[in-house]
Amino acid sequence: MKNLYLSAATYLLLLPLSMTSLAEQPQIASKPMQGMGNMTEEQKDQHARAIQEHQLQMHELSNKILAEQDPVKKEQLKNQQLVLMKAHHAKMMAGHHRIK
């Protein structure tokens, strides 16, 4: 519970700072991303669901890591999460390079 309060307090303190940095950035004319602009609504929905699934997996692992008391098991969960992060990053980079 203490971690939850600390996380919430950190978020509430950093939120105004992030908002001011966004406000100072020049506004760029919005145009659809090249890869997303050609997608059908169904493809966009599938893409959003894939992102959602990844986020749920990451959050589930984060919760398990925070709850785990055994340092060895905690490290195993961290390594599992790291593998998931690297796989997601590689997938994003492959798609990014394909678009260019």
PDB file of N, CA and C in Angstrom:
ATOM      1  N   MET A   1       0.833  -1.185   0.000  1.00  0.00           N
ATOM      2  CA  MET A   1       0.000   0.000   0.000  1.00  0.00           C
ATOM      3  C   MET A   1       0.880   1.252   0.000  1.00  0.00           C
ATOM      4  N   LYS A   2       2.015   1.153   0.711  1.00  0.00           N
ATOM      5  CA  LYS A   2       2.925   2.281   0.769  1.00  0.00           C
ATOM      6  C   LYS A   2       3.449   2.612  -0.633  1.00  0.00           C
ATOM      7  N   ASN A   3       3.741   1.561  -1.415  1.00  0.00           N
ATOM      8  CA  ASN A   3       4.208   1.780  -2.787  1.00  0.00           C
ATOM      9  C   ASN A   3       3.153   2.462  -3.635  1.00  0.00           C
ATOM     10  N   LEU A   4       1.909   2.112  -3.411  1.00  0.00           N
ATOM     11  CA  LEU A   4       0.821   2.718  -4.159  1.00  0.00           C
ATOM     12  C   LEU A   4       0.738   4.216  -3.870  1.00  0.00           C
ATOM     13  N   TYR A   5       0.820   4.574  -2.596  1.00  0.00           N
ATOM     14  CA  TYR A   5       0.787   5.994  -2.233  1.00  0.00           C
ATOM     15  C   TYR A   5       1.988   6.735  -2.799  1.00  0.00           C
ATOM     16  N   LEU A   6       3.160   6.104  -2.730  1.00  0.00           N
ATOM     17  CA  LEU A   6       4.368   6.732  -3.256  1.00  0.00           C
ATOM     18  C   LEU A   6       4.263   6.933  -4.761  1.00  0.00           C
ATOM     19  N   SER A   7       3.741   5.917  -5.462  1.00  0.00           N
ATOM     20  CA  SER A   7       3.575   6.024  -6.912  1.00  0.00           C
ATOM     21  C   SER A   7       2.575   7.124  -7.261  1.00  0.00           C
ATOM     22  N   ALA A   8       1.472   7.167  -6.527  1.00  0.00           N
ATOM     23  CA  ALA A   8       0.454   8.187  -6.795  1.00  0.00           C
ATOM     24  C   ALA A   8       1.002   9.580  -6.521  1.00  0.00           C
ATOM     25  N   ALA A   9       1.748   9.728  -5.448  1.00  0.00           N
ATOM     26  CA  ALA A   9       2.318  11.033  -5.114  1.00  0.00           C
ATOM     27  C   ALA A   9       3.322  11.469  -6.180  1.00  0.00           C
ATOM     28  N   THR A  10       4.147  10.533  -6.629  1.00  0.00           N
ATOM     29  CA  THR A  10       5.129  10.844  -7.669  1.00  0.00           C
ATOM     30  C   THR A  10       4.423  11.271  -8.948  1.00  0.00           C
ATOM     31  N   TYR A  11       3.391  10.531  -9.322  1.00  0.00           N
ATOM     32  CA  TYR A  11       2.636  10.847 -10.525  1.00  0.00           C
ATOM     33  C   TYR A  11       2.020  12.243 -10.423  1.00  0.00           C
ATOM     34  N   LEU A  12       1.417  12.543  -9.291  1.00  0.00           N
ATOM     35  CA  LEU A  12       0.757  13.838  -9.125  1.00  0.00           C
ATOM     36  C   LEU A  12       1.761  14.983  -9.114  1.00  0.00           C
ATOM     37  N   LEU A  13       2.970  14.728  -8.641  1.00  0.00           N
ATOM     38  CA  LEU A  13       4.001  15.769  -8.653  1.00  0.00           C
ATOM     39  C   LEU A  13       4.581  15.985 -10.047  1.00  0.00           C
ATOM     40  N   LEU A  14       4.709  14.909 -10.823  1.00  0.00           N
ATOM     41  CA  LEU A  14       5.314  15.018 -12.140  1.00  0.00           C
ATOM     42  C   LEU A  14       4.328  15.429 -13.230  1.00  0.00           C
ATOM     43  N   LEU A  15       3.052  15.224 -13.004  1.00  0.00           N
ATOM     44  CA  LEU A  15       2.048  15.548 -14.005  1.00  0.00           C
ATOM     45  C   LEU A  15       2.098  17.017 -14.436  1.00  0.00           C
ATOM     46  N   PRO A  16       2.112  17.969 -13.507  1.00  0.00           N
ATOM     47  CA  PRO A  16       2.170  19.371 -13.954  1.00  0.00           C
ATOM     48  C   PRO A  16       3.441  19.690 -14.743  1.00  0.00           C
ATOM     49  N   LEU A  17       4.552  19.063 -14.364  1.00  0.00           N
ATOM     50  CA  LEU A  17       5.790  19.306 -15.093  1.00  0.00           C
ATOM     51  C   LEU A  17       5.699  18.791 -16.522  1.00  0.00           C
ATOM     52  N   SER A  18       5.116  17.628 -16.688  1.00  0.00           N
ATOM     53  CA  SER A  18       5.004  17.077 -18.031  1.00  0.00           C
ATOM     54  C   SER A  18       4.035  17.904 -18.877  1.00  0.00           C
ATOM     55  N   MET A  19       3.011  18.426 -18.263  1.00  0.00           N
ATOM     56  CA  MET A  19       2.036  19.233 -19.001  1.00  0.00           C
ATOM     57  C   MET A  19       2.653  20.546 -19.459  1.00  0.00           C
ATOM     58  N   THR A  20       3.506  21.156 -18.634  1.00  0.00           N
ATOM     59  CA  THR A  20       4.131  22.407 -19.052  1.00  0.00           C
ATOM     60  C   THR A  20       5.121  22.168 -20.174  1.00  0.00           C
ATOM     61  N   SER A  21       5.828  21.029 -20.148  1.00  0.00           N
ATOM     62  CA  SER A  21       6.765  20.766 -21.233  1.00  0.00           C
ATOM     63  C   SER A  21       6.023  20.507 -22.536  1.00  0.00           C
ATOM     64  N   LEU A  22       4.843  19.904 -22.457  1.00  0.00           N
ATOM     65  CA  LEU A  22       4.042  19.700 -23.658  1.00  0.00           C
ATOM     66  C   LEU A  22       3.505  21.022 -24.192  1.00  0.00           C
ATOM     67  N   ALA A  23       3.151  21.911 -23.294  1.00  0.00           N
ATOM     68  CA  ALA A  23       2.592  23.191 -23.709  1.00  0.00           C
ATOM     69  C   ALA A  23       3.647  24.053 -24.401  1.00  0.00           C
ATOM     70  N   GLU A  24       4.914  23.880 -24.041  1.00  0.00           N
ATOM     71  CA  GLU A  24       5.977  24.699 -24.608  1.00  0.00           C
ATOM     72  C   GLU A  24       6.423  24.228 -25.983  1.00  0.00           C
ATOM     73  N   GLN A  25       6.083  23.002 -26.356  1.00  0.00           N
ATOM     74  CA  GLN A  25       6.493  22.485 -27.641  1.00  0.00           C
ATOM     75  C   GLN A  25       5.665  23.124 -28.745  1.00  0.00           C
ATOM     76  N   PRO A  26       6.316  23.437 -29.875  1.00  0.00           N
ATOM     77  CA  PRO A  26       5.546  24.018 -30.979  1.00  0.00           C
ATOM     78  C   PRO A  26       4.554  23.009 -31.517  1.00  0.00           C
ATOM     79  N   GLN A  27       3.416  23.498 -31.900  1.00  0.00           N
ATOM     80  CA  GLN A  27       2.373  22.623 -32.420  1.00  0.00           C
ATOM     81  C   GLN A  27       2.712  22.241 -33.852  1.00  0.00           C
ATOM     82  N   ILE A  28       2.717  20.960 -34.114  1.00  0.00           N
ATOM     83  CA  ILE A  28       3.014  20.437 -35.436  1.00  0.00           C
ATOM     84  C   ILE A  28       1.695  20.028 -36.070  1.00  0.00           C
ATOM     85  N   ALA A  29       1.555  20.350 -37.341  1.00  0.00           N
ATOM     86  CA  ALA A  29       0.323  19.967 -38.033  1.00  0.00           C
ATOM     87  C   ALA A  29       0.167  18.460 -37.940  1.00  0.00           C
ATOM     88  N   SER A  30      -0.979  18.040 -37.465  1.00  0.00           N
ATOM     89  CA  SER A  30      -1.166  16.604 -37.272  1.00  0.00           C
ATOM     90  C   SER A  30      -1.472  15.947 -38.607  1.00  0.00           C
ATOM     91  N   LYS A  31      -0.737  14.885 -38.848  1.00  0.00           N
ATOM     92  CA  LYS A  31      -0.995  14.072 -40.023  1.00  0.00           C
ATOM     93  C   LYS A  31      -0.910  12.624 -39.580  1.00  0.00           C
ATOM     94  N   PRO A  32      -1.686  11.748 -40.162  1.00  0.00           N
ATOM     95  CA  PRO A  32      -1.644  10.359 -39.730  1.00  0.00           C
ATOM     96  C   PRO A  32      -0.280   9.744 -40.015  1.00  0.00           C
ATOM     97  N   MET A  33       0.131   8.846 -39.128  1.00  0.00           N
ATOM     98  CA  MET A  33       1.390   8.155 -39.358  1.00  0.00           C
ATOM     99  C   MET A  33       1.265   7.376 -40.652  1.00  0.00           C
ATOM    100  N   GLN A  34       2.384   7.247 -41.354  1.00  0.00           N
ATOM    101  CA  GLN A  34       2.337   6.568 -42.653  1.00  0.00           C
ATOM    102  C   GLN A  34       1.791   5.162 -42.526  1.00  0.00           C
ATOM    103  N   GLY A  35       2.234   4.427 -41.531  1.00  0.00           N
ATOM    104  CA  GLY A  35       1.806   3.043 -41.374  1.00  0.00           C
ATOM    105  C   GLY A  35       0.366   2.923 -40.935  1.00  0.00           C
ATOM    106  N   MET A  36      -0.094   3.830 -40.104  1.00  0.00           N
ATOM    107  CA  MET A  36      -1.458   3.759 -39.577  1.00  0.00           C
ATOM    108  C   MET A  36      -2.473   4.340 -40.555  1.00  0.00           C
ATOM    109  N   GLY A  37      -2.063   5.263 -41.385  1.00  0.00           N
ATOM    110  CA  GLY A  37      -2.979   5.936 -42.297  1.00  0.00           C
ATOM    111  C   GLY A  37      -3.601   5.003 -43.320  1.00  0.00           C
ATOM    112  N   ASN A  38      -2.888   3.948 -43.649  1.00  0.00           N
ATOM    113  CA  ASN A  38      -3.388   3.022 -44.668  1.00  0.00           C
ATOM    114  C   ASN A  38      -4.149   1.843 -44.070  1.00  0.00           C
ATOM    115  N   MET A  39      -4.313   1.833 -42.755  1.00  0.00           N
ATOM    116  CA  MET A  39      -4.970   0.707 -42.092  1.00  0.00           C
ATOM    117  C   MET A  39      -6.485   0.865 -42.116  1.00  0.00           C
ATOM    118  N   THR A  40      -7.156  -0.270 -42.216  1.00  0.00           N
ATOM    119  CA  THR A  40      -8.611  -0.257 -42.100  1.00  0.00           C
ATOM    120  C   THR A  40      -8.968  -0.128 -40.622  1.00  0.00           C
ATOM    121  N   GLU A  41     -10.225   0.138 -40.344  1.00  0.00           N
ATOM    122  CA  GLU A  41     -10.665   0.249 -38.954  1.00  0.00           C
ATOM    123  C   GLU A  41     -10.456  -1.068 -38.211  1.00  0.00           C
ATOM    124  N   GLU A  42     -10.672  -2.173 -38.900  1.00  0.00           N
ATOM    125  CA  GLU A  42     -10.470  -3.486 -38.278  1.00  0.00           C
ATOM    126  C   GLU A  42      -8.986  -3.699 -37.934  1.00  0.00           C
ATOM    127  N   GLN A  43      -8.099  -3.291 -38.831  1.00  0.00           N
ATOM    128  CA  GLN A  43      -6.659  -3.416 -38.571  1.00  0.00           C
ATOM    129  C   GLN A  43      -6.230  -2.522 -37.409  1.00  0.00           C
ATOM    130  N   LYS A  44      -6.801  -1.319 -37.364  1.00  0.00           N
ATOM    131  CA  LYS A  44      -6.487  -0.412 -36.257  1.00  0.00           C
ATOM    132  C   LYS A  44      -6.956  -1.001 -34.930  1.00  0.00           C
ATOM    133  N   ASP A  45      -8.140  -1.643 -34.955  1.00  0.00           N
ATOM    134  CA  ASP A  45      -8.671  -2.277 -33.757  1.00  0.00           C
ATOM    135  C   ASP A  45      -7.772  -3.432 -33.319  1.00  0.00           C
ATOM    136  N   GLN A  46      -7.327  -4.242 -34.269  1.00  0.00           N
ATOM    137  CA  GLN A  46      -6.424  -5.349 -33.952  1.00  0.00           C
ATOM    138  C   GLN A  46      -5.113  -4.830 -33.369  1.00  0.00           C
ATOM    139  N   HIS A  47      -4.607  -3.750 -33.936  1.00  0.00           N
ATOM    140  CA  HIS A  47      -3.371  -3.139 -33.447  1.00  0.00           C
ATOM    141  C   HIS A  47      -3.548  -2.638 -32.009  1.00  0.00           C
ATOM    142  N   ALA A  48      -4.656  -1.971 -31.764  1.00  0.00           N
ATOM    143  CA  ALA A  48      -4.929  -1.465 -30.419  1.00  0.00           C
ATOM    144  C   ALA A  48      -5.065  -2.611 -29.421  1.00  0.00           C
ATOM    145  N   ARG A  49      -5.705  -3.691 -29.836  1.00  0.00           N
ATOM    146  CA  ARG A  49      -5.857  -4.851 -28.949  1.00  0.00           C
ATOM    147  C   ARG A  49      -4.508  -5.511 -28.659  1.00  0.00           C
ATOM    148  N   ALA A  50      -3.619  -5.528 -29.645  1.00  0.00           N
ATOM    149  CA  ALA A  50      -2.281  -6.087 -29.425  1.00  0.00           C
ATOM    150  C   ALA A  50      -1.510  -5.234 -28.411  1.00  0.00           C
ATOM    151  N   ILE A  51      -1.636  -3.927 -28.527  1.00  0.00           N
ATOM    152  CA  ILE A  51      -0.999  -3.020 -27.569  1.00  0.00           C
ATOM    153  C   ILE A  51      -1.579  -3.244 -26.179  1.00  0.00           C
ATOM    154  N   GLN A  52      -2.893  -3.360 -26.113  1.00  0.00           N
ATOM    155  CA  GLN A  52      -3.563  -3.593 -24.832  1.00  0.00           C
ATOM    156  C   GLN A  52      -3.072  -4.895 -24.198  1.00  0.00           C
ATOM    157  N   GLU A  53      -2.971  -5.942 -24.979  1.00  0.00           N
ATOM    158  CA  GLU A  53      -2.518  -7.235 -24.463  1.00  0.00           C
ATOM    159  C   GLU A  53      -1.092  -7.131 -23.912  1.00  0.00           C
ATOM    160  N   HIS A  54      -0.231  -6.440 -24.642  1.00  0.00           N
ATOM    161  CA  HIS A  54       1.152  -6.246 -24.170  1.00  0.00           C
ATOM    162  C   HIS A  54       1.161  -5.483 -22.846  1.00  0.00           C
ATOM    163  N   GLN A  55       0.386  -4.437 -22.765  1.00  0.00           N
ATOM    164  CA  GLN A  55       0.342  -3.643 -21.536  1.00  0.00           C
ATOM    165  C   GLN A  55      -0.178  -4.467 -20.359  1.00  0.00           C
ATOM    166  N   LEU A  56      -1.180  -5.283 -20.604  1.00  0.00           N
ATOM    167  CA  LEU A  56      -1.710  -6.132 -19.534  1.00  0.00           C
ATOM    168  C   LEU A  56      -0.668  -7.139 -19.052  1.00  0.00           C
ATOM    169  N   GLN A  57       0.085  -7.704 -19.985  1.00  0.00           N
ATOM    170  CA  GLN A  57       1.146  -8.636 -19.601  1.00  0.00           C
ATOM    171  C   GLN A  57       2.209  -7.930 -18.771  1.00  0.00           C
ATOM    172  N   MET A  58       2.580  -6.726 -19.190  1.00  0.00           N
ATOM    173  CA  MET A  58       3.600  -5.963 -18.461  1.00  0.00           C
ATOM    174  C   MET A  58       3.110  -5.614 -17.055  1.00  0.00           C
ATOM    175  N   HIS A  59       1.864  -5.191 -16.941  1.00  0.00           N
ATOM    176  CA  HIS A  59       1.317  -4.833 -15.630  1.00  0.00           C
ATOM    177  C   HIS A  59       1.203  -6.051 -14.724  1.00  0.00           C
ATOM    178  N   GLU A  60       0.802  -7.173 -15.300  1.00  0.00           N
ATOM    179  CA  GLU A  60       0.692  -8.392 -14.510  1.00  0.00           C
ATOM    180  C   GLU A  60       2.057  -8.796 -13.958  1.00  0.00           C
ATOM    181  N   LEU A  61       3.077  -8.731 -14.811  1.00  0.00           N
ATOM    182  CA  LEU A  61       4.423  -9.058 -14.338  1.00  0.00           C
ATOM    183  C   LEU A  61       4.904  -8.050 -13.301  1.00  0.00           C
ATOM    184  N   SER A  62       4.607  -6.783 -13.509  1.00  0.00           N
ATOM    185  CA  SER A  62       5.009  -5.756 -12.533  1.00  0.00           C
ATOM    186  C   SER A  62       4.380  -6.033 -11.176  1.00  0.00           C
ATOM    187  N   ASN A  63       3.108  -6.381 -11.164  1.00  0.00           N
ATOM    188  CA  ASN A  63       2.423  -6.688  -9.905  1.00  0.00           C
ATOM    189  C   ASN A  63       3.039  -7.904  -9.230  1.00  0.00           C
ATOM    190  N   LYS A  64       3.375  -8.924 -10.022  1.00  0.00           N
ATOM    191  CA  LYS A  64       4.003 -10.114  -9.450  1.00  0.00           C
ATOM    192  C   LYS A  64       5.381  -9.775  -8.875  1.00  0.00           C
ATOM    193  N   ILE A  65       6.132  -8.941  -9.582  1.00  0.00           N
ATOM    194  CA  ILE A  65       7.467  -8.542  -9.113  1.00  0.00           C
ATOM    195  C   ILE A  65       7.353  -7.806  -7.784  1.00  0.00           C
ATOM    196  N   LEU A  66       6.425  -6.865  -7.706  1.00  0.00           N
ATOM    197  CA  LEU A  66       6.259  -6.083  -6.481  1.00  0.00           C
ATOM    198  C   LEU A  66       5.793  -6.943  -5.309  1.00  0.00           C
ATOM    199  N   ALA A  67       4.997  -7.960  -5.589  1.00  0.00           N
ATOM    200  CA  ALA A  67       4.458  -8.799  -4.522  1.00  0.00           C
ATOM    201  C   ALA A  67       5.432  -9.895  -4.081  1.00  0.00           C
ATOM    202  N   GLU A  68       6.365 -10.252  -4.935  1.00  0.00           N
ATOM    203  CA  GLU A  68       7.268 -11.371  -4.640  1.00  0.00           C
ATOM    204  C   GLU A  68       8.253 -11.010  -3.530  1.00  0.00           C
ATOM    205  N   GLN A  69       8.384 -11.901  -2.559  1.00  0.00           N
ATOM    206  CA  GLN A  69       9.294 -11.685  -1.425  1.00  0.00           C
ATOM    207  C   GLN A  69      10.638 -12.379  -1.630  1.00  0.00           C
ATOM    208  N   ASP A  70      10.638 -13.493  -2.342  1.00  0.00           N
ATOM    209  CA  ASP A  70      11.864 -14.252  -2.574  1.00  0.00           C
ATOM    210  C   ASP A  70      12.716 -13.536  -3.625  1.00  0.00           C
ATOM    211  N   PRO A  71      13.933 -13.123  -3.267  1.00  0.00           N
ATOM    212  CA  PRO A  71      14.780 -12.371  -4.212  1.00  0.00           C
ATOM    213  C   PRO A  71      15.091 -13.147  -5.496  1.00  0.00           C
ATOM    214  N   VAL A  72      15.239 -14.461  -5.401  1.00  0.00           N
ATOM    215  CA  VAL A  72      15.549 -15.261  -6.589  1.00  0.00           C
ATOM    216  C   VAL A  72      14.352 -15.271  -7.534  1.00  0.00           C
ATOM    217  N   LYS A  73      13.160 -15.506  -6.995  1.00  0.00           N
ATOM    218  CA  LYS A  73      11.951 -15.508  -7.822  1.00  0.00           C
ATOM    219  C   LYS A  73      11.677 -14.117  -8.387  1.00  0.00           C
ATOM    220  N   LYS A  74      11.946 -13.087  -7.581  1.00  0.00           N
ATOM    221  CA  LYS A  74      11.749 -11.708  -8.033  1.00  0.00           C
ATOM    222  C   LYS A  74      12.651 -11.420  -9.235  1.00  0.00           C
ATOM    223  N   GLU A  75      13.895 -11.866  -9.165  1.00  0.00           N
ATOM    224  CA  GLU A  75      14.831 -11.653 -10.273  1.00  0.00           C
ATOM    225  C   GLU A  75      14.390 -12.423 -11.511  1.00  0.00           C
ATOM    226  N   GLN A  76      13.858 -13.619 -11.336  1.00  0.00           N
ATOM    227  CA  GLN A  76      13.344 -14.395 -12.469  1.00  0.00           C
ATOM    228  C   GLN A  76      12.182 -13.670 -13.146  1.00  0.00           C
ATOM    229  N   LEU A  77      11.306 -13.099 -12.341  1.00  0.00           N
ATOM    230  CA  LEU A  77      10.178 -12.343 -12.906  1.00  0.00           C
ATOM    231  C   LEU A  77      10.673 -11.100 -13.645  1.00  0.00           C
ATOM    232  N   LYS A  78      11.667 -10.433 -13.086  1.00  0.00           N
ATOM    233  CA  LYS A  78      12.236  -9.266 -13.758  1.00  0.00           C
ATOM    234  C   LYS A  78      12.842  -9.657 -15.102  1.00  0.00           C
ATOM    235  N   ASN A  79      13.555 -10.786 -15.125  1.00  0.00           N
ATOM    236  CA  ASN A  79      14.142 -11.260 -16.381  1.00  0.00           C
ATOM    237  C   ASN A  79      13.065 -11.618 -17.395  1.00  0.00           C
ATOM    238  N   GLN A  80      11.985 -12.214 -16.922  1.00  0.00           N
ATOM    239  CA  GLN A  80      10.863 -12.552 -17.799  1.00  0.00           C
ATOM    240  C   GLN A  80      10.260 -11.276 -18.394  1.00  0.00           C
ATOM    241  N   GLN A  81      10.112 -10.257 -17.573  1.00  0.00           N
ATOM    242  CA  GLN A  81       9.568  -8.984 -18.047  1.00  0.00           C
ATOM    243  C   GLN A  81      10.520  -8.330 -19.045  1.00  0.00           C
ATOM    244  N   LEU A  82      11.809  -8.429 -18.778  1.00  0.00           N
ATOM    245  CA  LEU A  82      12.805  -7.850 -19.680  1.00  0.00           C
ATOM    246  C   LEU A  82      12.758  -8.517 -21.058  1.00  0.00           C
ATOM    247  N   VAL A  83      12.606  -9.827 -21.075  1.00  0.00           N
ATOM    248  CA  VAL A  83      12.486 -10.555 -22.346  1.00  0.00           C
ATOM    249  C   VAL A  83      11.255 -10.069 -23.112  1.00  0.00           C
ATOM    250  N   LEU A  84      10.148  -9.895 -22.410  1.00  0.00           N
ATOM    251  CA  LEU A  84       8.928  -9.402 -23.035  1.00  0.00           C
ATOM    252  C   LEU A  84       9.134  -7.997 -23.596  1.00  0.00           C
ATOM    253  N   MET A  85       9.810  -7.149 -22.847  1.00  0.00           N
ATOM    254  CA  MET A  85      10.076  -5.778 -23.300  1.00  0.00           C
ATOM    255  C   MET A  85      10.954  -5.777 -24.547  1.00  0.00           C
ATOM    256  N   LYS A  86      12.003  -6.601 -24.541  1.00  0.00           N
ATOM    257  CA  LYS A  86      12.908  -6.658 -25.692  1.00  0.00           C
ATOM    258  C   LYS A  86      12.193  -7.178 -26.935  1.00  0.00           C
ATOM    259  N   ALA A  87      11.350  -8.184 -26.762  1.00  0.00           N
ATOM    260  CA  ALA A  87      10.606  -8.729 -27.902  1.00  0.00           C
ATOM    261  C   ALA A  87       9.667  -7.680 -28.479  1.00  0.00           C
ATOM    262  N   HIS A  88       9.003  -6.940 -27.599  1.00  0.00           N
ATOM    263  CA  HIS A  88       8.093  -5.889 -28.055  1.00  0.00           C
ATOM    264  C   HIS A  88       8.868  -4.794 -28.791  1.00  0.00           C
ATOM    265  N   HIS A  89      10.016  -4.426 -28.246  1.00  0.00           N
ATOM    266  CA  HIS A  89      10.834  -3.385 -28.871  1.00  0.00           C
ATOM    267  C   HIS A  89      11.308  -3.836 -30.257  1.00  0.00           C
ATOM    268  N   ALA A  90      11.762  -5.086 -30.360  1.00  0.00           N
ATOM    269  CA  ALA A  90      12.224  -5.606 -31.648  1.00  0.00           C
ATOM    270  C   ALA A  90      11.094  -5.607 -32.672  1.00  0.00           C
ATOM    271  N   LYS A  91       9.895  -5.971 -32.229  1.00  0.00           N
ATOM    272  CA  LYS A  91       8.736  -5.976 -33.125  1.00  0.00           C
ATOM    273  C   LYS A  91       8.420  -4.562 -33.607  1.00  0.00           C
ATOM    274  N   MET A  92       8.479  -3.597 -32.690  1.00  0.00           N
ATOM    275  CA  MET A  92       8.213  -2.207 -33.066  1.00  0.00           C
ATOM    276  C   MET A  92       9.262  -1.690 -34.045  1.00  0.00           C
ATOM    277  N   MET A  93      10.522  -2.001 -33.790  1.00  0.00           N
ATOM    278  CA  MET A  93      11.596  -1.530 -34.669  1.00  0.00           C
ATOM    279  C   MET A  93      11.480  -2.158 -36.051  1.00  0.00           C
ATOM    280  N   ALA A  94      11.109  -3.431 -36.115  1.00  0.00           N
ATOM    281  CA  ALA A  94      10.934  -4.094 -37.407  1.00  0.00           C
ATOM    282  C   ALA A  94       9.827  -3.416 -38.199  1.00  0.00           C
ATOM    283  N   GLY A  95       8.734  -3.077 -37.541  1.00  0.00           N
ATOM    284  CA  GLY A  95       7.649  -2.370 -38.200  1.00  0.00           C
ATOM    285  C   GLY A  95       8.029  -0.966 -38.600  1.00  0.00           C
ATOM    286  N   HIS A  96       8.819  -0.311 -37.768  1.00  0.00           N
ATOM    287  CA  HIS A  96       9.253   1.053 -38.042  1.00  0.00           C
ATOM    288  C   HIS A  96      10.151   1.085 -39.272  1.00  0.00           C
ATOM    289  N   HIS A  97      11.071   0.142 -39.355  1.00  0.00           N
ATOM    290  CA  HIS A  97      11.991   0.114 -40.503  1.00  0.00           C
ATOM    291  C   HIS A  97      11.278  -0.307 -41.780  1.00  0.00           C
ATOM    292  N   ARG A  98      10.221  -1.101 -41.634  1.00  0.00           N
ATOM    293  CA  ARG A  98       9.453  -1.527 -42.797  1.00  0.00           C
ATOM    294  C   ARG A  98       8.701  -0.346 -43.403  1.00  0.00           C
ATOM    295  N   ILE A  99       8.250   0.593 -42.559  1.00  0.00           N
ATOM    296  CA  ILE A  99       7.480   1.741 -43.021  1.00  0.00           C
ATOM    297  C   ILE A  99       8.357   2.689 -43.823  1.00  0.00           C
ATOM    298  N   LYS A 100       9.571   2.907 -43.382  1.00  0.00           N
ATOM    299  CA  LYS A 100      10.479   3.852 -44.075  1.00  0.00           C
ATOM    300  C   LYS A 100      10.858   3.321 -45.388  1.00  0.00           C
TER     301      LYS A 100
END
